[in-house]
Amino acid sequence: MERLASSAAPLPPTAAGLARLKKRREFLRAAARGKRAARSGLVLQALAVPEPSLRLGFTVTKKIGNAVIRNRARRRLKEAARLTLPGMALSGWDLVLIGRDATAERPFPLLIEDLRAALCQAGVAP
């Protein structure tokens, strides 16, 4: 059976394809030594590291709401990162994106703009 070639453009890399922060100590190190930038839709903690890679961590606290709301906020942060970060060609940073009350309901284009502005404010992107 022949396989049909897809004419659609390839999708950008997924957030899962980017390196992730997974251990508590990595999150705590970014919080203690990193730069912080707060916006309406998210908080960014950025720590410059000597490794030539970009690692991401996502967190949403129970203060935001129940599990459904927290997971929605985390998924939206991951998607915003997936669409924004590969085009910026960043390396040498550990980034933690923290969800806020407005993250789950904020219009998506504004959430992406919040991420870009936070990256500039923290000195990660020009």
N, C-alpha and C. Protein backbone atom coordinates (compact mmCIF):
# COMPACT_ATOMS: atom_id res chain seq x y z
N MET A 1 0.84 -1.17 0.00
CA MET A 1 0.00 0.00 0.00
C MET A 1 0.89 1.24 0.00
N GLU A 2 0.61 2.17 -0.89
CA GLU A 2 1.41 3.39 -0.98
C GLU A 2 1.01 4.39 0.08
N ARG A 3 1.98 5.08 0.57
CA ARG A 3 1.74 6.11 1.56
C ARG A 3 1.64 7.45 0.85
N LEU A 4 0.61 8.21 1.15
CA LEU A 4 0.43 9.51 0.51
C LEU A 4 1.33 10.54 1.16
N ALA A 5 1.98 11.33 0.33
CA ALA A 5 2.84 12.40 0.84
C ALA A 5 1.97 13.56 1.29
N SER A 6 2.29 14.09 2.45
CA SER A 6 1.53 15.21 2.99
C SER A 6 2.06 16.51 2.42
N SER A 7 1.16 17.37 1.98
CA SER A 7 1.58 18.65 1.43
C SER A 7 1.59 19.74 2.51
N ALA A 8 1.18 19.40 3.71
CA ALA A 8 1.14 20.38 4.80
C ALA A 8 2.56 20.68 5.28
N ALA A 9 2.74 21.91 5.75
CA ALA A 9 4.05 22.30 6.27
C ALA A 9 4.34 21.54 7.57
N PRO A 10 5.61 21.24 7.84
CA PRO A 10 5.93 20.52 9.07
C PRO A 10 5.60 21.37 10.29
N LEU A 11 5.19 20.70 11.35
CA LEU A 11 4.85 21.40 12.58
C LEU A 11 6.11 21.82 13.31
N PRO A 12 6.06 22.94 14.06
CA PRO A 12 7.21 23.31 14.87
C PRO A 12 7.44 22.29 15.97
N PRO A 13 8.64 22.29 16.56
CA PRO A 13 8.92 21.31 17.61
C PRO A 13 7.94 21.46 18.77
N THR A 14 7.69 20.37 19.44
CA THR A 14 6.79 20.40 20.58
C THR A 14 7.54 20.84 21.83
N ALA A 15 6.80 21.26 22.83
CA ALA A 15 7.43 21.61 24.11
C ALA A 15 8.10 20.37 24.69
N ALA A 16 7.55 19.19 24.41
CA ALA A 16 8.16 17.96 24.90
C ALA A 16 9.52 17.74 24.23
N GLY A 17 9.71 18.27 23.01
CA GLY A 17 10.97 18.12 22.30
C GLY A 17 12.06 19.01 22.88
N LEU A 18 11.68 20.04 23.61
CA LEU A 18 12.66 20.90 24.27
C LEU A 18 13.08 20.25 25.58
N ALA A 19 14.31 20.52 26.01
CA ALA A 19 14.79 19.96 27.26
C ALA A 19 13.98 20.52 28.42
N ARG A 20 13.74 19.71 29.43
CA ARG A 20 12.87 20.10 30.53
C ARG A 20 13.60 20.11 31.86
N LEU A 21 13.18 21.00 32.73
CA LEU A 21 13.59 20.97 34.14
C LEU A 21 12.59 20.05 34.83
N LYS A 22 13.09 19.08 35.57
CA LYS A 22 12.18 18.12 36.20
C LYS A 22 12.38 18.00 37.70
N LYS A 23 13.57 18.28 38.17
CA LYS A 23 13.86 18.09 39.58
C LYS A 23 13.61 19.36 40.38
N ARG A 24 13.15 19.18 41.60
CA ARG A 24 12.84 20.31 42.48
C ARG A 24 14.03 21.24 42.65
N ARG A 25 15.22 20.68 42.79
CA ARG A 25 16.40 21.53 43.01
C ARG A 25 16.68 22.43 41.81
N GLU A 26 16.34 21.98 40.59
CA GLU A 26 16.53 22.81 39.41
C GLU A 26 15.58 24.01 39.43
N PHE A 27 14.35 23.78 39.85
CA PHE A 27 13.39 24.88 39.98
C PHE A 27 13.82 25.85 41.07
N LEU A 28 14.27 25.31 42.21
CA LEU A 28 14.70 26.16 43.32
C LEU A 28 15.93 26.99 42.95
N ARG A 29 16.85 26.42 42.20
CA ARG A 29 18.04 27.15 41.77
C ARG A 29 17.67 28.32 40.86
N ALA A 30 16.74 28.10 39.94
CA ALA A 30 16.28 29.18 39.06
C ALA A 30 15.58 30.27 39.87
N ALA A 31 14.83 29.88 40.90
CA ALA A 31 14.12 30.85 41.73
C ALA A 31 15.10 31.66 42.58
N ALA A 32 16.11 31.01 43.10
CA ALA A 32 17.04 31.68 44.02
C ALA A 32 18.04 32.58 43.30
N ARG A 33 18.59 32.10 42.19
CA ARG A 33 19.67 32.84 41.52
C ARG A 33 19.27 33.52 40.23
N GLY A 34 18.09 33.21 39.73
CA GLY A 34 17.70 33.72 38.42
C GLY A 34 17.03 35.08 38.47
N LYS A 35 16.82 35.62 37.28
CA LYS A 35 16.09 36.89 37.14
C LYS A 35 14.61 36.57 37.06
N ARG A 36 13.80 37.51 37.50
CA ARG A 36 12.35 37.30 37.55
C ARG A 36 11.65 38.40 36.77
N ALA A 37 10.66 38.00 35.99
CA ALA A 37 9.84 38.96 35.23
C ALA A 37 8.39 38.54 35.35
N ALA A 38 7.55 39.43 35.86
CA ALA A 38 6.13 39.12 36.05
C ALA A 38 5.29 39.87 35.03
N ARG A 39 4.32 39.21 34.50
CA ARG A 39 3.35 39.78 33.57
C ARG A 39 1.96 39.33 34.02
N SER A 40 0.94 39.85 33.37
CA SER A 40 -0.43 39.49 33.77
C SER A 40 -0.71 38.00 33.62
N GLY A 41 -0.18 37.39 32.58
CA GLY A 41 -0.50 36.00 32.30
C GLY A 41 0.48 34.98 32.85
N LEU A 42 1.67 35.41 33.26
CA LEU A 42 2.67 34.45 33.72
C LEU A 42 3.79 35.15 34.48
N VAL A 43 4.58 34.34 35.16
CA VAL A 43 5.81 34.80 35.78
C VAL A 43 6.94 33.98 35.17
N LEU A 44 8.04 34.64 34.83
CA LEU A 44 9.19 33.96 34.24
C LEU A 44 10.36 34.08 35.20
N GLN A 45 11.01 32.95 35.47
CA GLN A 45 12.28 32.94 36.19
C GLN A 45 13.32 32.42 35.21
N ALA A 46 14.40 33.19 35.03
CA ALA A 46 15.42 32.84 34.04
C ALA A 46 16.79 32.82 34.70
N LEU A 47 17.49 31.73 34.53
CA LEU A 47 18.83 31.57 35.08
C LEU A 47 19.80 31.23 33.95
N ALA A 48 20.83 32.06 33.81
CA ALA A 48 21.87 31.79 32.81
C ALA A 48 22.71 30.61 33.31
N VAL A 49 22.97 29.66 32.42
CA VAL A 49 23.76 28.47 32.76
C VAL A 49 24.88 28.30 31.74
N PRO A 50 25.97 27.64 32.13
CA PRO A 50 27.10 27.49 31.20
C PRO A 50 26.84 26.50 30.06
N GLU A 51 25.88 25.58 30.22
CA GLU A 51 25.60 24.62 29.16
C GLU A 51 24.94 25.32 27.97
N PRO A 52 25.29 24.92 26.76
CA PRO A 52 24.69 25.56 25.57
C PRO A 52 23.34 24.95 25.21
N SER A 53 22.42 24.96 26.16
CA SER A 53 21.10 24.41 25.89
C SER A 53 20.03 25.29 26.54
N LEU A 54 18.81 25.08 26.13
CA LEU A 54 17.67 25.78 26.70
C LEU A 54 16.81 24.73 27.38
N ARG A 55 16.59 24.90 28.69
CA ARG A 55 15.74 23.97 29.43
C ARG A 55 14.55 24.73 30.00
N LEU A 56 13.40 24.08 29.98
CA LEU A 56 12.16 24.70 30.42
C LEU A 56 11.53 23.93 31.56
N GLY A 57 10.90 24.67 32.46
CA GLY A 57 10.10 24.07 33.52
C GLY A 57 8.78 24.83 33.60
N PHE A 58 7.73 24.11 33.95
CA PHE A 58 6.40 24.71 34.04
C PHE A 58 5.81 24.35 35.38
N THR A 59 5.18 25.33 36.04
CA THR A 59 4.54 25.06 37.31
C THR A 59 3.33 25.96 37.50
N VAL A 60 2.32 25.40 38.15
CA VAL A 60 1.10 26.14 38.48
C VAL A 60 0.69 25.67 39.88
N THR A 61 0.56 26.60 40.82
CA THR A 61 0.27 26.22 42.19
C THR A 61 -1.22 25.96 42.42
N LYS A 62 -1.52 25.33 43.53
CA LYS A 62 -2.91 25.02 43.88
C LYS A 62 -3.72 26.27 44.16
N LYS A 63 -3.08 27.39 44.40
CA LYS A 63 -3.80 28.65 44.62
C LYS A 63 -4.58 29.06 43.38
N ILE A 64 -4.16 28.58 42.23
CA ILE A 64 -4.79 28.97 40.96
C ILE A 64 -6.17 28.33 40.81
N GLY A 65 -6.33 27.10 41.28
CA GLY A 65 -7.63 26.45 41.16
C GLY A 65 -7.48 24.94 41.22
N ASN A 66 -8.53 24.25 40.82
CA ASN A 66 -8.51 22.79 40.87
C ASN A 66 -7.61 22.22 39.77
N ALA A 67 -7.53 20.90 39.72
CA ALA A 67 -6.61 20.24 38.79
C ALA A 67 -6.92 20.57 37.32
N VAL A 68 -8.20 20.68 36.99
CA VAL A 68 -8.58 20.99 35.61
C VAL A 68 -8.05 22.36 35.20
N ILE A 69 -8.21 23.34 36.05
CA ILE A 69 -7.74 24.70 35.74
C ILE A 69 -6.22 24.75 35.72
N ARG A 70 -5.57 24.08 36.67
CA ARG A 70 -4.09 24.07 36.68
C ARG A 70 -3.53 23.41 35.44
N ASN A 71 -4.12 22.30 35.02
CA ASN A 71 -3.64 21.61 33.83
C ASN A 71 -3.88 22.44 32.57
N ARG A 72 -5.02 23.13 32.50
CA ARG A 72 -5.29 24.00 31.36
C ARG A 72 -4.24 25.11 31.30
N ALA A 73 -3.93 25.71 32.43
CA ALA A 73 -2.93 26.78 32.48
C ALA A 73 -1.56 26.24 32.05
N ARG A 74 -1.20 25.06 32.53
CA ARG A 74 0.10 24.48 32.18
C ARG A 74 0.17 24.15 30.69
N ARG A 75 -0.90 23.60 30.13
CA ARG A 75 -0.92 23.30 28.70
C ARG A 75 -0.79 24.57 27.86
N ARG A 76 -1.44 25.63 28.29
CA ARG A 76 -1.35 26.90 27.55
C ARG A 76 0.06 27.47 27.62
N LEU A 77 0.72 27.35 28.79
CA LEU A 77 2.11 27.81 28.90
C LEU A 77 3.03 27.00 27.99
N LYS A 78 2.83 25.69 27.96
CA LYS A 78 3.65 24.83 27.10
C LYS A 78 3.47 25.19 25.63
N GLU A 79 2.24 25.44 25.22
CA GLU A 79 1.98 25.79 23.82
C GLU A 79 2.57 27.15 23.47
N ALA A 80 2.46 28.11 24.38
CA ALA A 80 3.06 29.43 24.14
C ALA A 80 4.57 29.30 24.00
N ALA A 81 5.19 28.48 24.84
CA ALA A 81 6.64 28.26 24.74
C ALA A 81 6.99 27.55 23.44
N ARG A 82 6.19 26.58 23.04
CA ARG A 82 6.45 25.83 21.80
C ARG A 82 6.41 26.74 20.58
N LEU A 83 5.49 27.69 20.58
CA LEU A 83 5.35 28.57 19.44
C LEU A 83 6.36 29.72 19.46
N THR A 84 6.82 30.12 20.62
CA THR A 84 7.66 31.31 20.75
C THR A 84 9.16 31.01 20.77
N LEU A 85 9.58 30.06 21.57
CA LEU A 85 11.01 29.88 21.85
C LEU A 85 11.85 29.35 20.69
N PRO A 86 11.40 28.38 19.89
CA PRO A 86 12.26 27.90 18.81
C PRO A 86 12.67 29.00 17.83
N GLY A 87 11.83 29.97 17.58
CA GLY A 87 12.15 31.04 16.65
C GLY A 87 13.15 32.04 17.21
N MET A 88 13.39 32.01 18.51
CA MET A 88 14.31 32.97 19.13
C MET A 88 15.74 32.45 19.21
N ALA A 89 15.95 31.18 18.98
CA ALA A 89 17.28 30.57 19.00
C ALA A 89 18.03 30.91 20.27
N LEU A 90 17.42 30.63 21.41
CA LEU A 90 18.04 30.89 22.71
C LEU A 90 18.82 29.67 23.16
N SER A 91 19.91 29.89 23.87
CA SER A 91 20.64 28.79 24.49
C SER A 91 21.37 29.32 25.71
N GLY A 92 21.68 28.41 26.63
CA GLY A 92 22.38 28.79 27.84
C GLY A 92 21.46 29.33 28.94
N TRP A 93 20.20 28.89 28.94
CA TRP A 93 19.24 29.39 29.93
C TRP A 93 18.42 28.23 30.50
N ASP A 94 18.09 28.35 31.78
CA ASP A 94 17.05 27.55 32.41
C ASP A 94 15.88 28.50 32.64
N LEU A 95 14.73 28.18 32.08
CA LEU A 95 13.55 29.04 32.19
C LEU A 95 12.44 28.30 32.92
N VAL A 96 11.83 28.97 33.90
CA VAL A 96 10.68 28.43 34.61
C VAL A 96 9.50 29.35 34.33
N LEU A 97 8.43 28.79 33.78
CA LEU A 97 7.20 29.55 33.53
C LEU A 97 6.19 29.17 34.60
N ILE A 98 5.71 30.18 35.32
CA ILE A 98 4.79 29.97 36.42
C ILE A 98 3.43 30.55 36.04
N GLY A 99 2.41 29.72 36.15
CA GLY A 99 1.07 30.16 35.82
C GLY A 99 0.49 31.07 36.90
N ARG A 100 -0.35 31.99 36.47
CA ARG A 100 -1.04 32.90 37.37
C ARG A 100 -2.54 32.70 37.23
N ASP A 101 -3.31 33.46 38.01
CA ASP A 101 -4.77 33.36 37.96
C ASP A 101 -5.30 33.56 36.54
N ALA A 102 -4.71 34.49 35.80
CA ALA A 102 -5.22 34.84 34.47
C ALA A 102 -4.74 33.89 33.37
N THR A 103 -3.80 33.01 33.64
CA THR A 103 -3.21 32.18 32.59
C THR A 103 -4.23 31.33 31.85
N ALA A 104 -5.12 30.69 32.57
CA ALA A 104 -6.07 29.75 31.95
C ALA A 104 -7.10 30.46 31.08
N GLU A 105 -7.42 31.72 31.39
CA GLU A 105 -8.49 32.41 30.66
C GLU A 105 -8.00 33.55 29.77
N ARG A 106 -6.73 33.91 29.86
CA ARG A 106 -6.20 35.03 29.08
C ARG A 106 -6.24 34.69 27.60
N PRO A 107 -6.64 35.64 26.73
CA PRO A 107 -6.59 35.37 25.28
C PRO A 107 -5.18 34.94 24.87
N PHE A 108 -5.12 33.90 24.04
CA PHE A 108 -3.83 33.29 23.72
C PHE A 108 -2.82 34.25 23.09
N PRO A 109 -3.21 35.13 22.17
CA PRO A 109 -2.23 36.07 21.62
C PRO A 109 -1.62 36.97 22.71
N LEU A 110 -2.41 37.34 23.71
CA LEU A 110 -1.87 38.14 24.81
C LEU A 110 -0.93 37.33 25.69
N LEU A 111 -1.22 36.04 25.85
CA LEU A 111 -0.33 35.18 26.64
C LEU A 111 1.03 35.04 25.95
N ILE A 112 1.02 34.90 24.64
CA ILE A 112 2.28 34.83 23.89
C ILE A 112 3.03 36.15 24.01
N GLU A 113 2.32 37.26 23.94
CA GLU A 113 2.96 38.56 24.09
C GLU A 113 3.52 38.74 25.50
N ASP A 114 2.82 38.23 26.50
CA ASP A 114 3.34 38.25 27.87
C ASP A 114 4.66 37.49 27.96
N LEU A 115 4.73 36.34 27.31
CA LEU A 115 5.96 35.54 27.33
C LEU A 115 7.10 36.30 26.65
N ARG A 116 6.84 36.87 25.50
CA ARG A 116 7.89 37.63 24.79
C ARG A 116 8.37 38.82 25.62
N ALA A 117 7.44 39.55 26.22
CA ALA A 117 7.80 40.72 27.02
C ALA A 117 8.59 40.30 28.27
N ALA A 118 8.20 39.19 28.89
CA ALA A 118 8.92 38.70 30.06
C ALA A 118 10.34 38.27 29.70
N LEU A 119 10.50 37.64 28.54
CA LEU A 119 11.84 37.24 28.09
C LEU A 119 12.73 38.47 27.89
N CYS A 120 12.18 39.53 27.31
CA CYS A 120 12.94 40.77 27.11
C CYS A 120 13.27 41.42 28.46
N GLN A 121 12.29 41.47 29.36
CA GLN A 121 12.50 42.11 30.66
C GLN A 121 13.57 41.38 31.48
N ALA A 122 13.61 40.06 31.37
CA ALA A 122 14.60 39.29 32.12
C ALA A 122 15.97 39.28 31.46
N GLY A 123 16.06 39.83 30.25
CA GLY A 123 17.35 39.87 29.56
C GLY A 123 17.69 38.61 28.81
N VAL A 124 16.72 37.76 28.61
CA VAL A 124 16.94 36.50 27.88
C VAL A 124 16.97 36.75 26.39
N ALA A 125 16.03 37.57 25.91
CA ALA A 125 15.93 37.89 24.49
C ALA A 125 16.10 39.38 24.30
N PRO A 126 16.63 39.78 23.14
CA PRO A 126 16.80 41.22 22.88
C PRO A 126 15.48 41.93 22.63
